[in-house]
Amino acid sequence: MALKNAPFPLFYLLFIFITGCINVINKNADETTFKEVKINELYSIQLPTYLKPSVTMLNEDASLQYSDTARNFYVIVIEEMRGGIDINHKRETLVEFFESCTSNIAWGLAEVQSSNPEQIKVNGLDAYRTMIIGKHNGLTMAYKCYIIESLGHFYQLYCWTIADLLSVNQKDMDVVLNSFKELPAK
């Protein structure tokens, strides 16, 4: 009742103030600041500033491991030198490497669903991407996987989150994955 009897301009001032605060909160939630991280003078990637180097080991082979446990957002990059020619005079192809890597992710999950692999370019490099969703320790997880090929390396890029938070984290995950760049040799 107090607002009903309040002077007319006071009610509108209060309404404008509350609406302004909500807009500022929503605007800040939509804007993520990114920082470039360079690893081993080999590659760089843009990461949200809220991600920090992971305190716990996410993958022992990863050269980059960042996370934000409050947001349930995790990122790793695994780099591998491209192998030489095998006894059949063949090198492992991007497709073969992609299938091997993504089957390793799916193997550790139950009730697995995955999107069709897409062949893409990431800053000029050939790549495949897919999303894998499955249960791990009772939680449904969503993994965005990019496998990238350069002349000398294969790179595995993984961003993951709890599936219920995918809509919150997806935009930042896409920026991270698409920002990967192999650095020029010195």
N, C-alpha and C. Protein backbone atom coordinates (compact mmCIF):
# COMPACT_ATOMS: atom_id res chain seq x y z
N MET A 1 0.81 -1.19 0.00
CA MET A 1 0.00 0.00 0.00
C MET A 1 0.85 1.26 0.00
N ALA A 2 2.03 1.18 0.56
CA ALA A 2 2.87 2.37 0.66
C ALA A 2 3.21 2.90 -0.72
N LEU A 3 3.49 2.01 -1.71
CA LEU A 3 3.81 2.49 -3.04
C LEU A 3 2.59 3.08 -3.73
N LYS A 4 1.43 2.54 -3.45
CA LYS A 4 0.21 3.04 -4.07
C LYS A 4 -0.04 4.48 -3.63
N ASN A 5 0.25 4.79 -2.40
CA ASN A 5 0.04 6.13 -1.88
C ASN A 5 1.26 7.04 -2.06
N ALA A 6 2.36 6.48 -2.57
CA ALA A 6 3.58 7.27 -2.76
C ALA A 6 3.35 8.28 -3.87
N PRO A 7 4.07 9.36 -3.80
CA PRO A 7 3.94 10.35 -4.87
C PRO A 7 4.27 9.69 -6.21
N PHE A 8 3.59 10.12 -7.23
CA PHE A 8 3.69 9.56 -8.57
C PHE A 8 5.15 9.46 -9.06
N PRO A 9 5.96 10.52 -9.00
CA PRO A 9 7.34 10.43 -9.51
C PRO A 9 8.21 9.45 -8.73
N LEU A 10 7.99 9.29 -7.43
CA LEU A 10 8.80 8.38 -6.63
C LEU A 10 8.63 6.94 -7.11
N PHE A 11 7.39 6.54 -7.42
CA PHE A 11 7.13 5.20 -7.92
C PHE A 11 7.89 4.96 -9.23
N TYR A 12 7.82 5.93 -10.14
CA TYR A 12 8.51 5.77 -11.41
C TYR A 12 10.03 5.81 -11.26
N LEU A 13 10.55 6.60 -10.36
CA LEU A 13 11.98 6.62 -10.10
C LEU A 13 12.45 5.26 -9.60
N LEU A 14 11.68 4.67 -8.68
CA LEU A 14 12.00 3.35 -8.15
C LEU A 14 11.96 2.31 -9.28
N PHE A 15 10.94 2.38 -10.13
CA PHE A 15 10.80 1.46 -11.25
C PHE A 15 11.98 1.59 -12.21
N ILE A 16 12.37 2.81 -12.55
CA ILE A 16 13.50 3.04 -13.46
C ILE A 16 14.79 2.53 -12.85
N PHE A 17 15.00 2.75 -11.56
CA PHE A 17 16.20 2.27 -10.89
C PHE A 17 16.30 0.75 -10.92
N ILE A 18 15.21 0.07 -10.58
CA ILE A 18 15.20 -1.40 -10.56
C ILE A 18 15.41 -1.94 -11.97
N THR A 19 14.72 -1.36 -12.95
CA THR A 19 14.87 -1.81 -14.34
C THR A 19 16.30 -1.60 -14.81
N GLY A 20 16.90 -0.49 -14.46
CA GLY A 20 18.29 -0.21 -14.83
C GLY A 20 19.24 -1.22 -14.23
N CYS A 21 19.03 -1.57 -12.96
CA CYS A 21 19.89 -2.56 -12.31
C CYS A 21 19.77 -3.92 -13.00
N ILE A 22 18.57 -4.30 -13.33
CA ILE A 22 18.36 -5.59 -14.01
C ILE A 22 19.07 -5.58 -15.36
N ASN A 23 18.95 -4.48 -16.11
CA ASN A 23 19.62 -4.39 -17.41
C ASN A 23 21.13 -4.46 -17.28
N VAL A 24 21.70 -3.81 -16.26
CA VAL A 24 23.14 -3.85 -16.05
C VAL A 24 23.58 -5.28 -15.72
N ILE A 25 22.83 -5.96 -14.87
CA ILE A 25 23.15 -7.35 -14.52
C ILE A 25 23.08 -8.23 -15.76
N ASN A 26 22.02 -8.11 -16.56
CA ASN A 26 21.89 -8.92 -17.77
C ASN A 26 22.99 -8.60 -18.78
N LYS A 27 23.33 -7.33 -18.93
CA LYS A 27 24.38 -6.95 -19.88
C LYS A 27 25.72 -7.55 -19.45
N ASN A 28 26.03 -7.48 -18.17
CA ASN A 28 27.30 -8.03 -17.68
C ASN A 28 27.35 -9.54 -17.83
N ALA A 29 26.20 -10.20 -17.67
CA ALA A 29 26.16 -11.66 -17.80
C ALA A 29 26.44 -12.09 -19.24
N ASP A 30 26.06 -11.25 -20.22
CA ASP A 30 26.25 -11.60 -21.62
C ASP A 30 27.64 -11.27 -22.15
N GLU A 31 28.38 -10.43 -21.46
CA GLU A 31 29.68 -10.00 -21.94
C GLU A 31 30.78 -10.75 -21.19
N THR A 32 31.53 -11.55 -21.92
CA THR A 32 32.65 -12.25 -21.34
C THR A 32 33.93 -11.63 -21.86
N THR A 33 34.86 -11.40 -20.97
CA THR A 33 36.17 -10.91 -21.36
C THR A 33 37.08 -12.11 -21.56
N PHE A 34 37.85 -12.07 -22.65
CA PHE A 34 38.75 -13.17 -22.98
C PHE A 34 40.20 -12.70 -22.91
N LYS A 35 41.10 -13.65 -22.64
CA LYS A 35 42.54 -13.38 -22.63
C LYS A 35 43.21 -14.43 -23.51
N GLU A 36 44.28 -14.02 -24.17
CA GLU A 36 45.03 -14.97 -24.99
C GLU A 36 46.04 -15.70 -24.12
N VAL A 37 46.08 -17.01 -24.26
CA VAL A 37 47.05 -17.83 -23.54
C VAL A 37 47.89 -18.55 -24.60
N LYS A 38 49.22 -18.43 -24.48
CA LYS A 38 50.14 -19.11 -25.39
C LYS A 38 50.79 -20.27 -24.65
N ILE A 39 50.87 -21.40 -25.32
CA ILE A 39 51.43 -22.60 -24.71
C ILE A 39 52.62 -23.09 -25.53
N ASN A 40 53.76 -23.25 -24.84
CA ASN A 40 54.98 -23.84 -25.41
C ASN A 40 55.40 -23.21 -26.74
N GLU A 41 55.09 -21.95 -26.95
CA GLU A 41 55.39 -21.27 -28.21
C GLU A 41 54.90 -22.08 -29.41
N LEU A 42 53.85 -22.88 -29.18
CA LEU A 42 53.31 -23.75 -30.22
C LEU A 42 51.91 -23.31 -30.67
N TYR A 43 51.07 -22.91 -29.70
CA TYR A 43 49.72 -22.49 -30.05
C TYR A 43 49.22 -21.46 -29.05
N SER A 44 48.15 -20.77 -29.48
CA SER A 44 47.48 -19.83 -28.58
C SER A 44 45.98 -20.10 -28.65
N ILE A 45 45.31 -19.67 -27.59
CA ILE A 45 43.87 -19.87 -27.49
C ILE A 45 43.31 -18.75 -26.62
N GLN A 46 42.11 -18.31 -26.92
CA GLN A 46 41.43 -17.29 -26.14
C GLN A 46 40.60 -17.99 -25.06
N LEU A 47 40.80 -17.57 -23.81
CA LEU A 47 40.05 -18.16 -22.70
C LEU A 47 39.31 -17.07 -21.94
N PRO A 48 38.10 -17.38 -21.45
CA PRO A 48 37.41 -16.41 -20.60
C PRO A 48 38.26 -16.12 -19.37
N THR A 49 38.26 -14.86 -18.93
CA THR A 49 39.09 -14.49 -17.79
C THR A 49 38.65 -15.18 -16.51
N TYR A 50 37.42 -15.68 -16.46
CA TYR A 50 36.98 -16.38 -15.25
C TYR A 50 37.59 -17.77 -15.14
N LEU A 51 38.12 -18.33 -16.25
CA LEU A 51 38.79 -19.62 -16.17
C LEU A 51 40.19 -19.44 -15.61
N LYS A 52 40.59 -20.35 -14.76
CA LYS A 52 41.92 -20.32 -14.14
C LYS A 52 42.61 -21.65 -14.40
N PRO A 53 43.95 -21.66 -14.34
CA PRO A 53 44.63 -22.96 -14.47
C PRO A 53 44.02 -23.96 -13.48
N SER A 54 43.73 -25.12 -13.96
CA SER A 54 43.03 -26.11 -13.14
C SER A 54 43.89 -26.57 -11.97
N VAL A 55 43.29 -26.58 -10.79
CA VAL A 55 43.98 -27.01 -9.58
C VAL A 55 44.13 -28.53 -9.58
N THR A 56 43.12 -29.22 -10.08
CA THR A 56 43.18 -30.67 -10.16
C THR A 56 43.56 -31.08 -11.58
N MET A 57 44.23 -32.19 -11.71
CA MET A 57 44.66 -32.69 -13.01
C MET A 57 43.43 -33.17 -13.79
N LEU A 58 43.15 -32.52 -14.91
CA LEU A 58 42.02 -32.92 -15.74
C LEU A 58 42.44 -34.04 -16.70
N ASN A 59 43.68 -33.94 -17.20
CA ASN A 59 44.22 -34.96 -18.09
C ASN A 59 45.74 -34.87 -18.03
N GLU A 60 46.40 -35.96 -17.74
CA GLU A 60 47.85 -35.92 -17.55
C GLU A 60 48.62 -35.59 -18.83
N ASP A 61 48.00 -35.75 -19.99
CA ASP A 61 48.67 -35.45 -21.25
C ASP A 61 48.40 -34.04 -21.76
N ALA A 62 47.53 -33.30 -21.10
CA ALA A 62 47.12 -31.97 -21.58
C ALA A 62 48.21 -30.93 -21.33
N SER A 63 48.45 -30.12 -22.35
CA SER A 63 49.39 -29.00 -22.19
C SER A 63 48.68 -27.75 -21.68
N LEU A 64 47.36 -27.71 -21.79
CA LEU A 64 46.54 -26.63 -21.26
C LEU A 64 45.38 -27.24 -20.49
N GLN A 65 45.18 -26.79 -19.25
CA GLN A 65 44.09 -27.27 -18.40
C GLN A 65 43.55 -26.09 -17.60
N TYR A 66 42.36 -25.62 -17.96
CA TYR A 66 41.73 -24.50 -17.26
C TYR A 66 40.32 -24.90 -16.86
N SER A 67 39.85 -24.30 -15.76
CA SER A 67 38.51 -24.64 -15.30
C SER A 67 37.92 -23.53 -14.43
N ASP A 68 36.63 -23.62 -14.26
CA ASP A 68 35.90 -22.83 -13.28
C ASP A 68 34.86 -23.79 -12.70
N THR A 69 35.14 -24.31 -11.52
CA THR A 69 34.26 -25.33 -10.93
C THR A 69 32.90 -24.75 -10.55
N ALA A 70 32.82 -23.46 -10.25
CA ALA A 70 31.53 -22.85 -9.92
C ALA A 70 30.61 -22.85 -11.14
N ARG A 71 31.19 -22.67 -12.32
CA ARG A 71 30.41 -22.68 -13.57
C ARG A 71 30.38 -24.06 -14.20
N ASN A 72 31.13 -25.00 -13.64
CA ASN A 72 31.26 -26.34 -14.23
C ASN A 72 31.68 -26.25 -15.69
N PHE A 73 32.74 -25.49 -15.94
CA PHE A 73 33.26 -25.26 -17.28
C PHE A 73 34.73 -25.68 -17.27
N TYR A 74 35.09 -26.58 -18.18
CA TYR A 74 36.44 -27.14 -18.22
C TYR A 74 36.98 -27.11 -19.65
N VAL A 75 38.27 -26.86 -19.79
CA VAL A 75 38.93 -26.81 -21.10
C VAL A 75 40.28 -27.51 -21.00
N ILE A 76 40.56 -28.37 -21.97
CA ILE A 76 41.91 -28.93 -22.08
C ILE A 76 42.31 -28.93 -23.55
N VAL A 77 43.62 -28.89 -23.77
CA VAL A 77 44.20 -29.08 -25.10
C VAL A 77 45.31 -30.11 -24.95
N ILE A 78 45.27 -31.10 -25.83
CA ILE A 78 46.31 -32.12 -25.87
C ILE A 78 46.97 -32.01 -27.25
N GLU A 79 48.28 -31.88 -27.25
CA GLU A 79 49.02 -31.78 -28.52
C GLU A 79 49.79 -33.08 -28.72
N GLU A 80 49.83 -33.54 -29.94
CA GLU A 80 50.60 -34.75 -30.27
C GLU A 80 51.35 -34.52 -31.57
N MET A 81 52.61 -34.89 -31.58
CA MET A 81 53.38 -34.84 -32.82
C MET A 81 52.76 -35.83 -33.79
N ARG A 82 52.71 -35.43 -35.04
CA ARG A 82 52.21 -36.36 -36.06
C ARG A 82 53.24 -37.45 -36.25
N GLY A 83 52.76 -38.66 -36.29
CA GLY A 83 53.66 -39.80 -36.47
C GLY A 83 54.19 -39.87 -37.88
N GLY A 84 55.22 -40.65 -38.04
CA GLY A 84 55.80 -40.87 -39.36
C GLY A 84 54.97 -41.85 -40.16
N ILE A 85 55.53 -42.31 -41.20
CA ILE A 85 54.85 -43.26 -42.08
C ILE A 85 54.99 -44.66 -41.48
N ASP A 86 53.86 -45.41 -41.44
CA ASP A 86 53.90 -46.76 -40.86
C ASP A 86 54.39 -47.78 -41.90
N ILE A 87 54.36 -49.05 -41.54
CA ILE A 87 54.89 -50.10 -42.42
C ILE A 87 54.08 -50.22 -43.72
N ASN A 88 52.86 -49.70 -43.73
CA ASN A 88 52.04 -49.73 -44.95
C ASN A 88 52.22 -48.46 -45.78
N HIS A 89 53.22 -47.65 -45.41
CA HIS A 89 53.54 -46.40 -46.11
C HIS A 89 52.39 -45.38 -46.01
N LYS A 90 51.74 -45.37 -44.87
CA LYS A 90 50.64 -44.43 -44.65
C LYS A 90 50.86 -43.66 -43.36
N ARG A 91 50.34 -42.45 -43.34
CA ARG A 91 50.30 -41.65 -42.11
C ARG A 91 48.88 -41.68 -41.59
N GLU A 92 48.74 -41.58 -40.29
CA GLU A 92 47.40 -41.52 -39.71
C GLU A 92 46.69 -40.28 -40.24
N THR A 93 45.46 -40.47 -40.67
CA THR A 93 44.69 -39.35 -41.22
C THR A 93 43.95 -38.61 -40.10
N LEU A 94 43.49 -37.43 -40.42
CA LEU A 94 42.69 -36.65 -39.47
C LEU A 94 41.44 -37.41 -39.08
N VAL A 95 40.79 -38.03 -40.03
CA VAL A 95 39.57 -38.80 -39.75
C VAL A 95 39.86 -39.94 -38.78
N GLU A 96 40.94 -40.67 -39.01
CA GLU A 96 41.29 -41.79 -38.12
C GLU A 96 41.61 -41.28 -36.71
N PHE A 97 42.36 -40.19 -36.64
CA PHE A 97 42.71 -39.64 -35.33
C PHE A 97 41.47 -39.13 -34.61
N PHE A 98 40.59 -38.46 -35.33
CA PHE A 98 39.33 -37.96 -34.78
C PHE A 98 38.50 -39.11 -34.20
N GLU A 99 38.35 -40.17 -34.98
CA GLU A 99 37.55 -41.32 -34.53
C GLU A 99 38.14 -41.95 -33.27
N SER A 100 39.46 -42.06 -33.23
CA SER A 100 40.13 -42.63 -32.07
C SER A 100 39.91 -41.76 -30.83
N CYS A 101 40.09 -40.47 -30.97
CA CYS A 101 39.95 -39.54 -29.83
C CYS A 101 38.52 -39.49 -29.30
N THR A 102 37.57 -39.38 -30.21
CA THR A 102 36.17 -39.26 -29.75
C THR A 102 35.65 -40.58 -29.19
N SER A 103 36.15 -41.70 -29.69
CA SER A 103 35.72 -42.98 -29.10
C SER A 103 36.28 -43.12 -27.69
N ASN A 104 37.46 -42.54 -27.42
CA ASN A 104 38.01 -42.56 -26.06
C ASN A 104 37.12 -41.78 -25.10
N ILE A 105 36.59 -40.64 -25.54
CA ILE A 105 35.68 -39.85 -24.69
C ILE A 105 34.40 -40.65 -24.45
N ALA A 106 33.82 -41.17 -25.52
CA ALA A 106 32.55 -41.90 -25.41
C ALA A 106 32.69 -43.16 -24.57
N TRP A 107 33.86 -43.80 -24.58
CA TRP A 107 34.07 -45.03 -23.84
C TRP A 107 33.84 -44.84 -22.34
N GLY A 108 34.17 -43.68 -21.81
CA GLY A 108 34.03 -43.43 -20.38
C GLY A 108 32.64 -42.95 -19.97
N LEU A 109 31.69 -42.94 -20.91
CA LEU A 109 30.35 -42.43 -20.63
C LEU A 109 29.30 -43.51 -20.82
N ALA A 110 28.16 -43.30 -20.18
CA ALA A 110 27.00 -44.17 -20.39
C ALA A 110 25.93 -43.36 -21.12
N GLU A 111 25.03 -44.04 -21.79
CA GLU A 111 23.93 -43.40 -22.52
C GLU A 111 24.44 -42.30 -23.45
N VAL A 112 25.40 -42.66 -24.29
CA VAL A 112 26.10 -41.69 -25.14
C VAL A 112 25.26 -41.30 -26.35
N GLN A 113 25.24 -40.00 -26.61
CA GLN A 113 24.67 -39.44 -27.83
C GLN A 113 25.73 -38.52 -28.41
N SER A 114 25.88 -38.53 -29.73
CA SER A 114 26.84 -37.61 -30.33
C SER A 114 26.28 -37.03 -31.62
N SER A 115 26.70 -35.81 -31.91
CA SER A 115 26.29 -35.16 -33.14
C SER A 115 27.12 -35.74 -34.29
N ASN A 116 26.64 -35.56 -35.50
CA ASN A 116 27.42 -35.99 -36.66
C ASN A 116 28.69 -35.16 -36.74
N PRO A 117 29.82 -35.79 -37.01
CA PRO A 117 31.07 -35.03 -37.15
C PRO A 117 30.96 -34.04 -38.31
N GLU A 118 31.53 -32.86 -38.09
CA GLU A 118 31.56 -31.83 -39.13
C GLU A 118 33.01 -31.52 -39.46
N GLN A 119 33.33 -31.48 -40.74
CA GLN A 119 34.66 -31.07 -41.16
C GLN A 119 34.63 -29.54 -41.27
N ILE A 120 35.58 -28.89 -40.61
CA ILE A 120 35.64 -27.43 -40.56
C ILE A 120 37.08 -26.96 -40.72
N LYS A 121 37.26 -25.66 -40.77
CA LYS A 121 38.58 -25.03 -40.71
C LYS A 121 38.62 -24.20 -39.43
N VAL A 122 39.72 -24.27 -38.72
CA VAL A 122 39.94 -23.44 -37.53
C VAL A 122 41.20 -22.64 -37.80
N ASN A 123 41.00 -21.37 -38.08
CA ASN A 123 42.12 -20.48 -38.42
C ASN A 123 43.05 -21.10 -39.46
N GLY A 124 42.45 -21.63 -40.51
CA GLY A 124 43.20 -22.18 -41.64
C GLY A 124 43.60 -23.63 -41.53
N LEU A 125 43.40 -24.24 -40.38
CA LEU A 125 43.78 -25.65 -40.18
C LEU A 125 42.56 -26.56 -40.34
N ASP A 126 42.77 -27.74 -40.94
CA ASP A 126 41.70 -28.72 -41.07
C ASP A 126 41.33 -29.28 -39.70
N ALA A 127 40.03 -29.48 -39.51
CA ALA A 127 39.56 -29.98 -38.21
C ALA A 127 38.23 -30.71 -38.39
N TYR A 128 37.93 -31.50 -37.38
CA TYR A 128 36.61 -32.09 -37.23
C TYR A 128 36.09 -31.70 -35.87
N ARG A 129 34.77 -31.53 -35.79
CA ARG A 129 34.16 -31.22 -34.50
C ARG A 129 32.90 -32.07 -34.31
N THR A 130 32.61 -32.30 -33.05
CA THR A 130 31.40 -33.01 -32.67
C THR A 130 31.05 -32.64 -31.24
N MET A 131 29.83 -32.96 -30.84
CA MET A 131 29.44 -32.82 -29.44
C MET A 131 29.01 -34.19 -28.96
N ILE A 132 29.50 -34.57 -27.79
CA ILE A 132 29.19 -35.86 -27.20
C ILE A 132 28.51 -35.59 -25.86
N ILE A 133 27.37 -36.22 -25.65
CA ILE A 133 26.64 -36.08 -24.39
C ILE A 133 26.49 -37.47 -23.80
N GLY A 134 26.78 -37.60 -22.51
CA GLY A 134 26.64 -38.88 -21.86
C GLY A 134 26.74 -38.74 -20.35
N LYS A 135 26.42 -39.81 -19.66
CA LYS A 135 26.43 -39.79 -18.20
C LYS A 135 27.77 -40.27 -17.66
N HIS A 136 28.25 -39.53 -16.66
CA HIS A 136 29.49 -39.89 -15.96
C HIS A 136 29.26 -39.61 -14.48
N ASN A 137 29.41 -40.65 -13.66
CA ASN A 137 29.19 -40.53 -12.21
C ASN A 137 27.82 -39.92 -11.88
N GLY A 138 26.81 -40.32 -12.63
CA GLY A 138 25.45 -39.87 -12.37
C GLY A 138 25.09 -38.51 -12.94
N LEU A 139 26.05 -37.81 -13.53
CA LEU A 139 25.79 -36.50 -14.13
C LEU A 139 25.79 -36.61 -15.65
N THR A 140 24.89 -35.91 -16.29
CA THR A 140 24.90 -35.85 -17.75
C THR A 140 25.83 -34.73 -18.16
N MET A 141 26.87 -35.09 -18.91
CA MET A 141 27.91 -34.14 -19.32
C MET A 141 27.81 -33.88 -20.82
N ALA A 142 28.20 -32.66 -21.22
CA ALA A 142 28.24 -32.28 -22.64
C ALA A 142 29.68 -31.90 -22.99
N TYR A 143 30.25 -32.59 -23.96
CA TYR A 143 31.63 -32.37 -24.41
C TYR A 143 31.60 -31.81 -25.83
N LYS A 144 32.23 -30.67 -26.04
CA LYS A 144 32.45 -30.15 -27.38
C LYS A 144 33.89 -30.51 -27.73
N CYS A 145 34.06 -31.24 -28.82
CA CYS A 145 35.36 -31.78 -29.20
C CYS A 145 35.78 -31.25 -30.57
N TYR A 146 36.99 -30.70 -30.63
CA TYR A 146 37.60 -30.29 -31.89
C TYR A 146 38.92 -31.05 -32.01
N ILE A 147 39.11 -31.71 -33.13
CA ILE A 147 40.38 -32.36 -33.42
C ILE A 147 40.96 -31.64 -34.63
N ILE A 148 42.14 -31.07 -34.45
CA ILE A 148 42.73 -30.18 -35.46
C ILE A 148 44.05 -30.78 -35.94
N GLU A 149 44.31 -30.64 -37.24
CA GLU A 149 45.52 -31.18 -37.85
C GLU A 149 46.36 -30.04 -38.43
N SER A 150 47.65 -30.06 -38.13
CA SER A 150 48.60 -29.16 -38.79
C SER A 150 49.65 -30.04 -39.45
N LEU A 151 50.64 -29.44 -40.06
CA LEU A 151 51.69 -30.24 -40.70
C LEU A 151 52.42 -31.13 -39.71
N GLY A 152 52.68 -30.62 -38.51
CA GLY A 152 53.48 -31.38 -37.56
C GLY A 152 52.75 -31.94 -36.35
N HIS A 153 51.48 -31.54 -36.15
CA HIS A 153 50.78 -31.93 -34.93
C HIS A 153 49.31 -32.26 -35.18
N PHE A 154 48.78 -33.04 -34.26
CA PHE A 154 47.34 -33.16 -34.06
C PHE A 154 47.06 -32.48 -32.73
N TYR A 155 45.97 -31.73 -32.66
CA TYR A 155 45.56 -31.07 -31.42
C TYR A 155 44.16 -31.55 -31.07
N GLN A 156 44.00 -31.91 -29.81
CA GLN A 156 42.68 -32.27 -29.30
C GLN A 156 42.22 -31.14 -28.38
N LEU A 157 41.10 -30.52 -28.71
CA LEU A 157 40.54 -29.46 -27.89
C LEU A 157 39.20 -29.95 -27.35
N TYR A 158 39.05 -29.86 -26.04
CA TYR A 158 37.82 -30.30 -25.41
C TYR A 158 37.33 -29.23 -24.44
N CYS A 159 36.07 -28.86 -24.57
CA CYS A 159 35.39 -28.04 -23.57
C CYS A 159 34.22 -28.87 -23.09
N TRP A 160 33.99 -28.89 -21.79
CA TRP A 160 32.84 -29.63 -21.30
C TRP A 160 32.23 -28.96 -20.10
N THR A 161 30.98 -29.35 -19.88
CA THR A 161 30.18 -28.81 -18.78
C THR A 161 29.07 -29.80 -18.47
N ILE A 162 28.36 -29.56 -17.40
CA ILE A 162 27.16 -30.34 -17.11
C ILE A 162 26.12 -29.96 -18.17
N ALA A 163 25.43 -30.94 -18.72
CA ALA A 163 24.50 -30.70 -19.83
C ALA A 163 23.46 -29.62 -19.49
N ASP A 164 23.01 -29.58 -18.24
CA ASP A 164 22.03 -28.56 -17.85
C ASP A 164 22.59 -27.15 -17.95
N LEU A 165 23.91 -27.00 -17.95
CA LEU A 165 24.54 -25.68 -18.03
C LEU A 165 25.08 -25.37 -19.43
N LEU A 166 24.82 -26.24 -20.39
CA LEU A 166 25.34 -26.03 -21.74
C LEU A 166 24.85 -24.71 -22.32
N SER A 167 23.59 -24.37 -22.14
CA SER A 167 23.08 -23.12 -22.71
C SER A 167 23.77 -21.90 -22.10
N VAL A 168 24.20 -21.99 -20.85
CA VAL A 168 24.91 -20.90 -20.19
C VAL A 168 26.34 -20.79 -20.70
N ASN A 169 27.00 -21.92 -20.92
CA ASN A 169 28.42 -21.95 -21.26
C ASN A 169 28.73 -22.07 -22.75
N GLN A 170 27.76 -22.41 -23.55
CA GLN A 170 28.01 -22.74 -24.95
C GLN A 170 28.66 -21.61 -25.74
N LYS A 171 28.22 -20.41 -25.59
CA LYS A 171 28.78 -19.28 -26.35
C LYS A 171 30.28 -19.14 -26.06
N ASP A 172 30.66 -19.18 -24.78
CA ASP A 172 32.07 -19.07 -24.41
C ASP A 172 32.86 -20.29 -24.89
N MET A 173 32.26 -21.46 -24.84
CA MET A 173 32.93 -22.67 -25.32
C MET A 173 33.26 -22.52 -26.81
N ASP A 174 32.31 -22.02 -27.58
CA ASP A 174 32.52 -21.86 -29.02
C ASP A 174 33.64 -20.85 -29.31
N VAL A 175 33.68 -19.76 -28.55
CA VAL A 175 34.75 -18.78 -28.74
C VAL A 175 36.11 -19.43 -28.45
N VAL A 176 36.20 -20.17 -27.37
CA VAL A 176 37.45 -20.84 -27.00
C VAL A 176 37.90 -21.77 -28.13
N LEU A 177 37.03 -22.64 -28.56
CA LEU A 177 37.38 -23.66 -29.55
C LEU A 177 37.75 -23.05 -30.90
N ASN A 178 37.04 -22.02 -31.31
CA ASN A 178 37.30 -21.41 -32.61
C ASN A 178 38.46 -20.43 -32.60
N SER A 179 39.00 -20.13 -31.42
CA SER A 179 40.11 -19.17 -31.33
C SER A 179 41.48 -19.84 -31.46
N PHE A 180 41.53 -21.16 -31.47
CA PHE A 180 42.80 -21.88 -31.51
C PHE A 180 43.64 -21.44 -32.72
N LYS A 181 44.92 -21.15 -32.48
CA LYS A 181 45.86 -20.80 -33.55
C LYS A 181 47.19 -21.47 -33.28
N GLU A 182 47.72 -22.11 -34.30
CA GLU A 182 49.08 -22.63 -34.18
C GLU A 182 50.02 -21.45 -34.44
N LEU A 183 51.01 -21.29 -33.57
CA LEU A 183 51.94 -20.17 -33.69
C LEU A 183 53.01 -20.48 -34.73
N PRO A 184 53.49 -19.45 -35.43
CA PRO A 184 54.55 -19.68 -36.41
C PRO A 184 55.83 -20.16 -35.72
N ALA A 185 56.53 -21.07 -36.38
CA ALA A 185 57.80 -21.59 -35.83
C ALA A 185 58.82 -20.45 -35.78
N LYS A 186 59.61 -20.45 -34.72
CA LYS A 186 60.63 -19.40 -34.57
C LYS A 186 61.97 -19.88 -35.02
